[in-house]
N, C-alpha and C. Protein backbone atom coordinates (compact mmCIF):
# COMPACT_ATOMS: atom_id res chain seq x y z
N MET A 1 64.68 76.30 -81.89
CA MET A 1 65.05 77.12 -80.96
C MET A 1 64.29 78.12 -80.65
N LYS A 2 64.16 78.44 -79.57
CA LYS A 2 63.26 79.91 -79.56
C LYS A 2 64.10 80.77 -78.69
N ILE A 3 63.94 81.84 -78.54
CA ILE A 3 65.07 82.81 -78.04
C ILE A 3 64.23 84.06 -77.14
N LEU A 4 64.63 83.98 -76.22
CA LEU A 4 63.65 85.53 -75.42
C LEU A 4 64.40 86.49 -74.87
N SER A 5 64.44 87.71 -74.81
CA SER A 5 65.30 88.44 -74.22
C SER A 5 64.80 89.15 -73.40
N ILE A 6 65.44 89.68 -72.15
CA ILE A 6 64.86 90.05 -71.13
C ILE A 6 65.52 91.68 -71.20
N ILE A 7 65.22 92.82 -71.57
CA ILE A 7 65.53 94.25 -71.98
C ILE A 7 64.83 95.54 -71.35
N THR A 8 65.57 95.82 -70.72
CA THR A 8 65.25 97.40 -70.43
C THR A 8 66.43 97.98 -69.97
N GLN A 9 66.43 99.18 -70.52
CA GLN A 9 67.51 100.23 -70.38
C GLN A 9 67.70 100.95 -68.94
N LYS A 10 67.11 100.95 -68.03
CA LYS A 10 67.06 101.07 -66.63
C LYS A 10 67.50 100.19 -65.67
N GLY A 11 68.48 100.34 -64.97
CA GLY A 11 68.80 99.33 -63.97
C GLY A 11 67.25 99.16 -62.72
N GLY A 12 67.62 98.01 -62.19
CA GLY A 12 66.82 97.56 -60.90
C GLY A 12 65.59 97.25 -61.44
N ALA A 13 64.96 96.94 -62.47
CA ALA A 13 63.48 96.81 -63.06
C ALA A 13 63.58 95.26 -62.75
N GLY A 14 64.50 94.22 -62.29
CA GLY A 14 64.51 92.68 -62.05
C GLY A 14 64.33 91.69 -63.18
N LYS A 15 65.32 92.34 -63.92
CA LYS A 15 65.35 91.38 -65.41
C LYS A 15 66.21 89.93 -65.09
N THR A 16 67.04 90.02 -64.06
CA THR A 16 67.28 88.77 -63.70
C THR A 16 66.74 87.76 -63.01
N THR A 17 65.71 88.50 -62.16
CA THR A 17 65.15 87.77 -61.26
C THR A 17 63.84 86.87 -62.45
N ILE A 18 63.50 87.77 -63.34
CA ILE A 18 62.27 87.42 -64.35
C ILE A 18 63.33 86.15 -65.36
N ALA A 19 64.46 86.33 -65.67
CA ALA A 19 65.12 85.64 -66.68
C ALA A 19 65.24 84.34 -65.84
N THR A 20 65.78 84.08 -64.34
CA THR A 20 66.12 82.98 -63.97
C THR A 20 64.70 82.09 -63.69
N ALA A 21 63.53 82.77 -62.99
CA ALA A 21 62.25 82.20 -62.85
C ALA A 21 61.88 81.71 -64.24
N LEU A 22 61.86 82.49 -65.22
CA LEU A 22 61.36 82.01 -66.72
C LEU A 22 62.28 80.57 -66.83
N ALA A 23 63.37 80.84 -66.56
CA ALA A 23 64.37 79.25 -67.12
C ALA A 23 63.93 78.45 -66.42
N VAL A 24 63.77 78.24 -64.91
CA VAL A 24 63.52 77.35 -64.26
C VAL A 24 61.53 76.59 -64.60
N ALA A 25 61.08 77.70 -64.85
CA ALA A 25 59.76 77.22 -65.44
C ALA A 25 59.78 76.41 -66.71
N ALA A 26 60.68 77.15 -67.66
CA ALA A 26 60.62 76.18 -68.60
C ALA A 26 61.44 75.07 -68.65
N GLU A 27 62.40 74.88 -67.86
CA GLU A 27 62.84 73.35 -67.65
C GLU A 27 62.07 72.50 -67.13
N LYS A 28 61.49 73.04 -66.08
CA LYS A 28 59.94 72.10 -65.29
C LYS A 28 59.05 71.59 -66.53
N ASP A 29 59.24 72.34 -67.56
CA ASP A 29 58.20 72.22 -68.72
C ASP A 29 58.82 71.11 -69.64
N GLY A 30 59.57 70.97 -69.28
CA GLY A 30 60.60 70.13 -70.43
C GLY A 30 61.36 70.41 -71.38
N LEU A 31 61.37 72.24 -71.30
CA LEU A 31 62.47 72.47 -72.17
C LEU A 31 63.62 72.51 -71.70
N ASN A 32 64.71 72.22 -72.68
CA ASN A 32 65.78 72.31 -72.32
C ASN A 32 66.25 73.58 -72.90
N THR A 33 67.17 74.21 -71.49
CA THR A 33 67.19 75.98 -71.55
C THR A 33 68.35 76.41 -70.80
N ALA A 34 68.57 77.43 -71.60
CA ALA A 34 69.84 77.88 -71.09
C ALA A 34 69.68 79.52 -70.86
N ILE A 35 70.37 79.96 -70.07
CA ILE A 35 70.42 81.72 -70.14
C ILE A 35 71.51 81.74 -69.83
N LEU A 36 71.93 83.24 -70.92
CA LEU A 36 72.74 83.95 -71.43
C LEU A 36 73.20 85.37 -70.76
N ASP A 37 73.88 85.54 -70.02
CA ASP A 37 74.33 86.59 -69.14
C ASP A 37 75.21 87.63 -69.75
N LEU A 38 74.52 88.60 -70.41
CA LEU A 38 75.22 89.38 -71.34
C LEU A 38 75.52 91.16 -70.81
N ASP A 39 75.32 90.85 -69.14
CA ASP A 39 75.80 91.74 -68.14
C ASP A 39 76.99 91.78 -67.58
N ASP A 40 77.82 92.79 -67.43
CA ASP A 40 79.36 92.37 -66.77
C ASP A 40 79.07 92.37 -65.28
N GLN A 41 77.80 92.82 -64.85
CA GLN A 41 77.83 92.30 -63.13
C GLN A 41 77.26 91.13 -63.00
N ALA A 42 77.08 90.38 -64.00
CA ALA A 42 77.12 88.70 -63.91
C ALA A 42 76.02 88.02 -62.98
N THR A 43 75.20 88.78 -62.67
CA THR A 43 74.10 88.26 -61.50
C THR A 43 73.51 87.12 -62.12
N SER A 44 73.35 86.85 -63.03
CA SER A 44 72.67 85.27 -63.20
C SER A 44 73.74 84.42 -63.09
N CYS A 45 74.93 84.37 -63.78
CA CYS A 45 75.71 83.69 -63.43
C CYS A 45 75.96 83.45 -62.15
N PHE A 46 76.07 84.34 -61.12
CA PHE A 46 76.20 84.57 -59.62
C PHE A 46 75.38 83.28 -59.12
N TRP A 47 73.99 83.64 -59.42
CA TRP A 47 72.75 82.86 -59.34
C TRP A 47 73.24 81.66 -59.56
N GLY A 48 73.46 81.04 -60.57
CA GLY A 48 73.56 79.77 -61.59
C GLY A 48 74.51 79.40 -60.54
N ASP A 49 75.82 79.97 -59.92
CA ASP A 49 76.92 79.34 -59.24
C ASP A 49 76.27 78.67 -57.81
N ILE A 50 75.66 79.69 -57.46
CA ILE A 50 74.52 78.90 -56.04
C ILE A 50 73.94 77.83 -56.25
N ARG A 51 73.54 78.21 -57.07
CA ARG A 51 72.67 76.76 -57.85
C ARG A 51 73.11 75.61 -57.98
N GLN A 52 74.23 75.57 -58.49
CA GLN A 52 75.15 74.78 -58.99
C GLN A 52 75.57 74.04 -57.63
N GLY A 53 76.48 74.82 -56.77
CA GLY A 53 76.69 74.26 -55.76
C GLY A 53 75.85 73.62 -54.93
N GLN A 54 74.66 73.88 -54.95
CA GLN A 54 73.48 73.32 -53.58
C GLN A 54 73.16 72.05 -54.68
N ASN A 55 73.38 72.12 -55.77
CA ASN A 55 72.85 70.73 -56.78
C ASN A 55 71.41 70.88 -56.49
N HIS A 56 70.62 72.17 -56.74
CA HIS A 56 69.26 72.23 -57.11
C HIS A 56 68.89 71.42 -58.34
N THR A 57 67.78 71.10 -58.54
CA THR A 57 67.08 70.51 -59.74
C THR A 57 66.05 71.46 -60.16
N PRO A 58 65.88 71.42 -61.23
CA PRO A 58 66.70 71.07 -62.63
C PRO A 58 67.75 71.66 -62.60
N ALA A 59 68.96 71.13 -63.37
CA ALA A 59 70.19 71.86 -63.68
C ALA A 59 70.13 72.67 -64.69
N LEU A 60 70.64 73.71 -64.87
CA LEU A 60 70.40 75.12 -65.77
C LEU A 60 71.58 75.55 -66.26
N ALA A 61 71.67 75.60 -67.60
CA ALA A 61 73.22 76.14 -68.35
C ALA A 61 73.45 77.76 -68.01
N VAL A 62 73.82 77.94 -67.53
CA VAL A 62 74.04 79.87 -67.28
C VAL A 62 75.61 80.42 -67.33
N LYS A 63 75.42 80.86 -68.70
CA LYS A 63 76.72 81.21 -69.16
C LYS A 63 76.80 83.07 -69.28
N ASP A 64 77.88 83.00 -69.09
CA ASP A 64 78.47 84.50 -69.11
C ASP A 64 78.96 84.71 -70.39
N VAL A 65 78.37 85.50 -71.37
CA VAL A 65 78.59 85.83 -72.55
C VAL A 65 78.91 87.71 -73.05
N LYS A 66 80.03 87.70 -73.92
CA LYS A 66 80.34 88.62 -74.48
C LYS A 66 79.17 88.87 -75.65
N ALA A 67 78.68 90.21 -76.07
CA ALA A 67 77.68 90.26 -77.03
C ALA A 67 78.43 89.75 -78.31
N ILE A 68 79.36 90.23 -78.55
CA ILE A 68 80.12 89.64 -79.75
C ILE A 68 80.47 88.30 -80.34
N ARG A 69 80.48 87.50 -78.94
CA ARG A 69 80.28 86.17 -79.25
C ARG A 69 78.97 85.43 -79.56
N LEU A 70 77.80 86.20 -79.37
CA LEU A 70 76.47 86.08 -78.93
C LEU A 70 76.27 85.11 -80.41
N PRO A 71 76.14 85.95 -81.39
CA PRO A 71 75.68 84.72 -82.54
C PRO A 71 76.66 83.49 -82.67
N HIS A 72 78.02 83.13 -82.21
CA HIS A 72 78.38 81.68 -81.79
C HIS A 72 77.70 80.72 -80.69
N VAL A 73 77.65 81.63 -80.02
CA VAL A 73 76.99 80.65 -78.67
C VAL A 73 75.70 80.13 -79.21
N LEU A 74 75.07 81.07 -79.50
CA LEU A 74 73.73 80.95 -80.26
C LEU A 74 73.56 79.92 -81.13
N GLU A 75 74.53 79.55 -81.96
CA GLU A 75 74.51 78.73 -83.02
C GLU A 75 74.98 77.33 -81.93
N ALA A 76 75.61 77.62 -81.49
CA ALA A 76 76.27 76.16 -80.67
C ALA A 76 75.06 75.79 -79.72
N LEU A 77 74.65 76.00 -78.98
CA LEU A 77 73.31 75.78 -78.14
C LEU A 77 71.98 75.41 -79.39
N LYS A 78 72.23 75.78 -80.39
CA LYS A 78 71.00 74.98 -81.20
C LYS A 78 71.55 73.67 -82.06
N SER A 79 72.98 73.50 -82.23
CA SER A 79 73.38 72.64 -82.58
C SER A 79 73.21 71.22 -81.49
N ALA A 80 73.32 71.78 -80.54
CA ALA A 80 73.43 71.00 -79.19
C ALA A 80 72.06 70.63 -78.52
N GLY A 81 70.88 71.08 -79.33
CA GLY A 81 69.29 70.82 -78.97
C GLY A 81 68.60 71.87 -77.94
N CYS A 82 69.26 72.99 -77.54
CA CYS A 82 68.67 73.71 -76.84
C CYS A 82 67.31 74.28 -77.49
N ASP A 83 65.95 74.15 -76.51
CA ASP A 83 64.81 74.60 -76.98
C ASP A 83 64.86 75.76 -76.74
N LEU A 84 65.25 76.21 -75.66
CA LEU A 84 65.07 77.95 -75.24
C LEU A 84 66.03 78.79 -74.54
N VAL A 85 66.73 79.60 -75.24
CA VAL A 85 67.67 80.74 -74.95
C VAL A 85 67.15 81.98 -74.17
N ILE A 86 67.34 82.20 -73.06
CA ILE A 86 66.65 83.53 -72.55
C ILE A 86 68.28 84.54 -72.24
N LEU A 87 68.03 85.36 -72.82
CA LEU A 87 69.16 86.75 -72.85
C LEU A 87 68.94 87.76 -71.81
N ASP A 88 69.84 87.50 -70.78
CA ASP A 88 69.46 88.60 -69.69
C ASP A 88 70.64 89.43 -70.13
N CYS A 89 70.04 91.05 -70.20
CA CYS A 89 70.56 91.81 -71.19
C CYS A 89 71.12 93.12 -69.84
N PRO A 90 72.27 93.96 -69.89
CA PRO A 90 72.54 95.00 -69.02
C PRO A 90 71.59 96.25 -69.35
N ALA A 91 71.59 97.15 -68.42
CA ALA A 91 71.00 98.30 -68.60
C ALA A 91 71.98 99.27 -69.34
N ILE A 92 71.29 99.97 -69.55
CA ILE A 92 72.04 101.22 -70.26
C ILE A 92 72.30 101.23 -71.83
N HIS A 93 73.11 99.97 -72.08
CA HIS A 93 73.67 99.58 -73.33
C HIS A 93 72.50 99.60 -74.19
N ARG A 94 72.65 100.59 -75.17
CA ARG A 94 71.75 100.64 -76.42
C ARG A 94 72.12 99.48 -77.51
N ASP A 95 73.38 99.19 -77.77
CA ASP A 95 74.16 98.13 -78.61
C ASP A 95 73.82 96.91 -78.26
N ILE A 96 73.92 96.81 -76.99
CA ILE A 96 73.99 95.11 -76.44
C ILE A 96 72.52 94.81 -76.90
N ALA A 97 71.57 95.86 -76.24
CA ALA A 97 69.94 95.50 -76.58
C ALA A 97 69.84 95.34 -77.97
N MET A 98 70.53 95.89 -78.89
CA MET A 98 70.05 95.59 -80.22
C MET A 98 70.75 93.88 -80.52
N ASP A 99 71.76 93.48 -80.17
CA ASP A 99 72.51 92.67 -80.55
C ASP A 99 71.67 91.63 -80.02
N ALA A 100 71.17 91.63 -78.74
CA ALA A 100 70.47 90.69 -78.34
C ALA A 100 68.96 90.41 -79.05
N ALA A 101 68.30 91.85 -79.17
CA ALA A 101 66.82 91.81 -79.39
C ALA A 101 66.85 91.16 -80.90
N THR A 102 67.83 91.73 -81.92
CA THR A 102 67.78 91.22 -83.42
C THR A 102 67.61 89.57 -83.72
N PRO A 103 68.23 88.38 -82.71
CA PRO A 103 68.01 87.57 -83.00
C PRO A 103 66.75 86.94 -82.26
N SER A 104 66.34 87.82 -81.40
CA SER A 104 65.27 87.14 -80.52
C SER A 104 63.72 86.94 -81.27
N ASP A 105 62.90 85.80 -80.76
CA ASP A 105 61.40 85.60 -81.19
C ASP A 105 60.55 86.85 -80.12
N PHE A 106 61.26 87.00 -79.04
CA PHE A 106 60.15 88.18 -78.49
C PHE A 106 61.35 88.74 -77.38
N VAL A 107 60.57 89.78 -77.03
CA VAL A 107 61.53 90.70 -75.96
C VAL A 107 60.58 90.71 -74.95
N LEU A 108 60.77 90.72 -73.65
CA LEU A 108 60.03 91.13 -72.40
C LEU A 108 60.77 92.66 -71.99
N ILE A 109 60.07 93.54 -71.56
CA ILE A 109 60.35 94.71 -71.17
C ILE A 109 59.98 94.86 -69.60
N PRO A 110 60.46 94.59 -68.66
CA PRO A 110 60.45 95.10 -67.39
C PRO A 110 60.16 96.26 -66.86
N THR A 111 59.44 96.77 -66.19
CA THR A 111 59.55 98.16 -65.54
C THR A 111 58.62 98.64 -64.31
N ARG A 112 59.16 98.83 -63.42
CA ARG A 112 58.57 99.65 -62.18
C ARG A 112 57.56 100.29 -62.61
N ALA A 113 56.23 100.19 -61.57
CA ALA A 113 55.38 101.23 -61.75
C ALA A 113 55.06 102.88 -61.26
N ASP A 114 56.06 103.21 -61.78
CA ASP A 114 56.52 104.78 -61.48
C ASP A 114 56.73 105.70 -62.90
N VAL A 115 56.56 106.75 -62.80
CA VAL A 115 56.63 107.76 -63.81
C VAL A 115 58.35 107.88 -64.23
N PHE A 116 59.10 107.61 -63.69
CA PHE A 116 60.61 107.60 -64.25
C PHE A 116 60.95 106.26 -64.78
N ASP A 117 60.61 105.04 -64.38
CA ASP A 117 60.91 104.12 -64.85
C ASP A 117 59.85 104.22 -66.12
N ILE A 118 59.13 104.17 -66.06
CA ILE A 118 57.88 104.03 -67.22
C ILE A 118 58.59 104.71 -68.66
N ARG A 119 59.17 106.15 -68.02
CA ARG A 119 59.89 107.20 -69.13
C ARG A 119 60.78 106.47 -69.82
N SER A 120 61.77 105.72 -69.34
CA SER A 120 63.21 105.32 -69.41
C SER A 120 62.71 103.99 -70.14
N MET A 121 61.66 103.12 -69.69
CA MET A 121 61.10 101.95 -70.54
C MET A 121 60.93 102.12 -72.10
N ARG A 122 60.13 103.58 -72.22
CA ARG A 122 59.81 103.97 -73.59
C ARG A 122 60.91 104.13 -74.43
N GLN A 123 62.30 104.49 -73.97
CA GLN A 123 63.54 104.32 -74.63
C GLN A 123 63.49 102.81 -75.49
N THR A 124 63.28 101.84 -74.74
CA THR A 124 63.72 100.48 -74.88
C THR A 124 62.29 99.96 -75.98
N VAL A 125 60.99 100.69 -75.88
CA VAL A 125 60.04 100.41 -77.03
C VAL A 125 60.27 100.94 -77.90
N ASP A 126 60.64 102.15 -77.74
CA ASP A 126 61.04 102.68 -79.22
C ASP A 126 62.30 101.98 -80.08
N LEU A 127 63.19 101.53 -79.39
CA LEU A 127 64.19 100.53 -79.83
C LEU A 127 63.75 99.42 -80.73
N MET A 128 62.92 98.80 -79.54
CA MET A 128 62.39 97.34 -80.40
C MET A 128 61.37 97.80 -81.58
N THR A 129 60.52 98.84 -81.39
CA THR A 129 59.67 99.29 -82.78
C THR A 129 60.65 99.75 -83.65
N SER A 130 61.68 100.11 -83.78
CA SER A 130 62.48 100.49 -84.53
C SER A 130 62.99 99.31 -85.76
N ILE A 131 63.15 98.05 -84.80
CA ILE A 131 63.57 96.87 -85.78
C ILE A 131 62.53 95.97 -86.01
N ASP A 132 61.53 96.49 -85.77
CA ASP A 132 59.68 95.78 -85.86
C ASP A 132 60.28 94.08 -84.77
N LYS A 133 60.57 94.44 -83.96
CA LYS A 133 60.68 93.34 -82.53
C LYS A 133 59.25 92.79 -81.90
N PRO A 134 58.36 92.08 -82.07
CA PRO A 134 57.54 91.77 -81.31
C PRO A 134 58.24 91.57 -79.87
N CYS A 135 57.31 92.73 -78.65
CA CYS A 135 57.86 92.78 -77.05
C CYS A 135 56.49 92.96 -76.72
N ALA A 136 56.78 92.94 -75.22
CA ALA A 136 55.52 93.35 -74.49
C ALA A 136 56.22 94.10 -72.93
N VAL A 137 55.85 94.97 -72.73
CA VAL A 137 55.87 95.30 -71.19
C VAL A 137 55.32 94.20 -70.17
N VAL A 138 56.32 94.27 -68.80
CA VAL A 138 55.89 93.81 -67.90
C VAL A 138 56.02 94.52 -66.81
N LEU A 139 55.05 94.68 -65.74
CA LEU A 139 55.08 95.29 -64.73
C LEU A 139 55.78 94.66 -63.68
N ASN A 140 56.50 94.94 -62.84
CA ASN A 140 57.46 94.35 -61.91
C ASN A 140 57.33 94.98 -60.80
N PHE A 141 57.80 94.49 -59.47
CA PHE A 141 57.50 95.41 -58.18
C PHE A 141 56.45 96.09 -58.14
N CYS A 142 55.31 95.64 -58.43
CA CYS A 142 53.78 96.27 -58.30
C CYS A 142 53.37 96.24 -56.43
N PRO A 143 53.13 97.38 -56.54
CA PRO A 143 52.67 97.81 -55.43
C PRO A 143 51.19 97.46 -54.48
N PRO A 144 51.23 96.98 -53.47
CA PRO A 144 49.96 96.44 -53.03
C PRO A 144 48.82 96.98 -53.31
N VAL A 145 48.82 98.51 -53.28
CA VAL A 145 47.67 99.07 -53.28
C VAL A 145 47.86 100.49 -53.62
N GLY A 146 47.30 101.41 -53.89
CA GLY A 146 47.50 102.61 -54.70
C GLY A 146 47.27 102.82 -55.73
N LYS A 147 46.89 104.14 -56.74
CA LYS A 147 46.33 104.08 -58.03
C LYS A 147 47.42 104.12 -59.10
N GLU A 148 48.78 104.18 -58.47
CA GLU A 148 50.06 104.26 -59.22
C GLU A 148 49.97 102.96 -60.09
N LEU A 149 49.50 102.03 -59.78
CA LEU A 149 49.73 100.57 -60.85
C LEU A 149 49.01 100.57 -61.80
N GLU A 150 47.25 101.29 -61.58
CA GLU A 150 46.44 101.84 -62.47
C GLU A 150 46.80 102.85 -63.28
N ASP A 151 47.45 103.94 -63.12
CA ASP A 151 48.10 104.65 -63.83
C ASP A 151 49.20 104.23 -64.54
N ALA A 152 49.74 103.34 -64.16
CA ALA A 152 51.16 102.78 -64.91
C ALA A 152 50.77 102.06 -65.91
N ARG A 153 49.55 100.89 -66.04
CA ARG A 153 48.47 100.38 -67.01
C ARG A 153 48.25 101.30 -68.11
N GLU A 154 47.84 102.68 -67.43
CA GLU A 154 47.28 103.19 -68.64
C GLU A 154 48.15 104.21 -69.50
N GLY A 155 49.19 104.18 -68.52
CA GLY A 155 50.45 105.00 -69.60
C GLY A 155 51.05 104.32 -70.25
N ILE A 156 51.21 102.79 -70.14
CA ILE A 156 51.84 102.08 -71.29
C ILE A 156 50.92 101.66 -72.37
N LYS A 157 49.66 101.54 -72.00
CA LYS A 157 48.91 101.44 -73.09
C LYS A 157 48.78 102.64 -73.95
N GLY A 158 49.09 103.68 -73.15
CA GLY A 158 49.07 105.02 -74.13
C GLY A 158 50.28 104.95 -74.94
N ILE A 159 51.15 104.24 -74.74
CA ILE A 159 52.22 104.07 -75.65
C ILE A 159 52.31 103.79 -77.07
N GLY A 160 50.93 102.55 -76.78
CA GLY A 160 50.71 102.00 -78.07
C GLY A 160 51.39 100.93 -77.86
N VAL A 161 52.60 99.86 -76.89
CA VAL A 161 53.14 98.54 -76.84
C VAL A 161 52.33 97.85 -75.90
N SER A 162 52.20 96.45 -76.04
CA SER A 162 51.81 95.38 -75.60
C SER A 162 51.89 95.24 -74.22
N LEU A 163 50.93 95.32 -73.27
CA LEU A 163 51.18 95.16 -71.82
C LEU A 163 50.81 93.67 -71.31
N CYS A 164 51.74 93.17 -71.09
CA CYS A 164 51.67 91.63 -70.11
C CYS A 164 50.98 91.60 -69.24
N PRO A 165 49.96 90.72 -69.54
CA PRO A 165 48.79 90.50 -68.40
C PRO A 165 49.06 90.00 -66.93
N ALA A 166 50.17 89.27 -67.22
CA ALA A 166 50.83 89.11 -66.19
C ALA A 166 51.66 90.01 -65.32
N GLU A 167 51.34 90.22 -63.75
CA GLU A 167 52.08 91.42 -63.12
C GLU A 167 52.68 90.52 -61.98
N LEU A 168 53.80 91.25 -61.68
CA LEU A 168 54.95 90.75 -60.82
C LEU A 168 54.98 91.53 -59.64
N HIS A 169 54.58 91.17 -58.11
CA HIS A 169 54.51 92.25 -56.91
C HIS A 169 55.61 92.53 -56.16
N ASN A 170 55.54 93.01 -55.66
CA ASN A 170 57.16 93.36 -54.48
C ASN A 170 56.24 92.41 -53.65
N ARG A 171 56.98 91.05 -54.13
CA ARG A 171 57.07 90.23 -52.75
C ARG A 171 58.62 89.33 -52.82
N LYS A 172 58.54 89.51 -50.85
CA LYS A 172 59.63 88.62 -50.37
C LYS A 172 60.19 87.49 -51.03
N ALA A 173 59.03 86.59 -51.46
CA ALA A 173 59.59 85.31 -51.88
C ALA A 173 60.59 85.33 -53.08
N TYR A 174 60.57 86.39 -54.00
CA TYR A 174 61.40 86.47 -55.11
C TYR A 174 63.09 86.09 -54.36
N SER A 175 63.41 87.62 -53.59
CA SER A 175 64.16 87.56 -52.87
C SER A 175 64.77 86.79 -52.38
N ARG A 176 64.04 86.08 -51.49
CA ARG A 176 64.35 84.99 -50.55
C ARG A 176 64.87 83.83 -51.44
N ALA A 177 64.03 83.20 -52.51
CA ALA A 177 64.35 82.26 -53.37
C ALA A 177 65.76 82.49 -54.18
N GLN A 178 66.09 83.74 -54.81
CA GLN A 178 67.58 83.82 -55.09
C GLN A 178 68.61 84.08 -54.46
N GLN A 179 68.49 84.26 -53.35
CA GLN A 179 69.86 84.09 -52.21
C GLN A 179 70.34 82.77 -52.39
N SER A 180 69.02 81.23 -52.55
CA SER A 180 69.64 80.23 -52.35
C SER A 180 69.99 79.47 -53.99
N GLY A 181 69.95 80.45 -54.96
CA GLY A 181 69.56 79.77 -56.54
C GLY A 181 68.99 79.15 -56.67
N GLN A 182 67.32 79.93 -56.24
CA GLN A 182 66.53 78.97 -56.67
C GLN A 182 65.22 80.24 -57.19
N THR A 183 64.16 79.86 -57.31
CA THR A 183 62.90 80.64 -58.00
C THR A 183 62.22 80.29 -56.70
N ALA A 184 61.09 81.82 -57.22
CA ALA A 184 59.71 81.50 -55.49
C ALA A 184 58.90 79.94 -56.29
N GLN A 185 59.27 79.96 -57.37
CA GLN A 185 58.11 78.55 -57.64
C GLN A 185 58.81 77.51 -57.44
N GLU A 186 59.72 77.33 -56.70
CA GLU A 186 60.55 76.09 -56.16
C GLU A 186 60.58 76.34 -54.67
N THR A 187 60.52 77.81 -53.84
CA THR A 187 61.03 77.58 -52.78
C THR A 187 59.66 77.96 -51.91
N GLU A 188 58.56 78.63 -52.72
CA GLU A 188 57.42 78.59 -52.19
C GLU A 188 56.14 78.39 -53.49
N PRO A 189 56.08 76.88 -53.79
CA PRO A 189 55.20 76.52 -54.56
C PRO A 189 53.93 76.97 -55.11
N LYS A 190 53.37 77.01 -53.55
CA LYS A 190 52.10 77.64 -53.44
C LYS A 190 51.66 78.99 -53.46
N SER A 191 52.86 79.94 -53.75
CA SER A 191 52.71 81.27 -53.09
C SER A 191 51.89 81.89 -54.20
N LEU A 192 51.72 83.20 -54.07
CA LEU A 192 51.38 84.09 -55.23
C LEU A 192 52.42 84.38 -56.33
N ALA A 193 53.46 84.55 -55.61
CA ALA A 193 54.66 84.74 -56.43
C ALA A 193 54.97 83.74 -57.06
N ALA A 194 54.64 82.05 -57.03
CA ALA A 194 54.94 81.69 -57.96
C ALA A 194 53.62 81.23 -58.72
N GLN A 195 52.58 81.49 -58.67
CA GLN A 195 51.26 81.89 -59.60
C GLN A 195 51.52 82.86 -60.61
N GLU A 196 52.52 83.66 -60.08
CA GLU A 196 52.65 85.15 -60.94
C GLU A 196 53.56 84.89 -61.99
N ILE A 197 54.87 83.87 -61.69
CA ILE A 197 55.57 83.48 -62.43
C ILE A 197 55.22 82.60 -63.56
N ILE A 198 54.46 81.50 -63.32
CA ILE A 198 53.80 80.38 -64.23
C ILE A 198 52.80 81.45 -65.12
N ALA A 199 51.98 82.35 -64.61
CA ALA A 199 51.10 83.14 -65.60
C ALA A 199 52.26 83.81 -66.70
N LEU A 200 53.13 84.40 -66.13
CA LEU A 200 54.30 84.91 -67.27
C LEU A 200 54.93 83.91 -68.10
N TYR A 201 55.25 82.66 -67.83
CA TYR A 201 56.09 81.75 -68.40
C TYR A 201 54.61 81.45 -69.33
N THR A 202 53.67 81.32 -69.27
CA THR A 202 52.52 80.84 -70.01
C THR A 202 52.18 81.92 -71.46
N TYR A 203 52.42 83.50 -70.74
CA TYR A 203 51.86 84.34 -71.57
C TYR A 203 53.11 84.12 -72.64
N THR A 204 54.31 84.02 -72.09
CA THR A 204 55.69 84.42 -73.24
C THR A 204 56.13 83.52 -73.54
N LEU A 205 55.34 81.91 -73.41
CA LEU A 205 55.77 80.96 -74.28
C LEU A 205 54.33 81.33 -75.57
N ASN A 206 53.49 81.64 -74.85
CA ASN A 206 52.17 81.65 -75.92
C ASN A 206 52.65 82.80 -77.24
N GLN A 207 53.17 83.75 -76.51
CA GLN A 207 54.00 84.90 -77.56
C GLN A 207 54.74 84.33 -78.66
N MET A 208 55.87 83.44 -78.55
CA MET A 208 56.80 82.99 -78.86
C MET A 208 55.96 82.08 -79.94
N LYS A 209 54.94 81.15 -79.46
CA LYS A 209 54.40 80.25 -80.46
C LYS A 209 53.65 81.23 -81.54
N GLU A 210 52.78 82.12 -81.33
CA GLU A 210 52.54 82.89 -82.23
C GLU A 210 53.23 83.41 -82.96
N GLY A 211 54.20 83.60 -82.65
CA GLY A 211 55.39 84.49 -83.70
C GLY A 211 55.79 83.25 -84.59
N SER A 212 55.86 82.22 -84.09
CA SER A 212 56.12 81.01 -85.32
C SER A 212 54.87 80.72 -86.17
N ASP A 213 54.04 80.97 -85.71
CA ASP A 213 52.57 80.36 -86.39
C ASP A 213 52.49 81.55 -87.42
N HIS A 214 52.87 82.78 -87.38
CA HIS A 214 52.76 83.85 -88.43
C HIS A 214 53.96 83.91 -89.10
N GLY A 215 55.03 83.50 -88.54
CA GLY A 215 56.27 83.78 -89.45
C GLY A 215 56.46 82.79 -90.64
């Protein structure tokens, strides 16, 4: 069983959008997948409730989990034959970030392409570095034009952390899909948003596989 954490210590970076979209991509790829929502706001769980109520397929297990119970829940999912667990983590909480990152095979750190978000993101990078956890930053809500995006890329590379080659832009397809308990690759499968998610999923899957090969 593989474990992927979506962690950043600043709110509004799009963690839940990424977690749910990657989970659907994994299910469609034949992986038995679960989302564990560690955030008290339980946004992934609300998304899962809408999805279940509208009988969307593939069906996904989305569970509200307290960090203290995480090891027990992970063990239960492993015993049940789960292939991939995605941890949707809250902002701010350093302790929960550590609890989630420790058992994870890989960590995605989403950030917006602006100086304040990147500054906050660096705290999460430092935290992952302190426990030698494989991770990569993924740029989210990228603007369509302007030099901010290129500046953000250069700034992230300067920190010395891996930068995900797949970037998610500020597209309405993401928010439209979430309102119906779906993801962009389901509601608009030929959209640029769908292509971005598939690229991110492919990258993340490869990173987890490489980690296993080196482990």
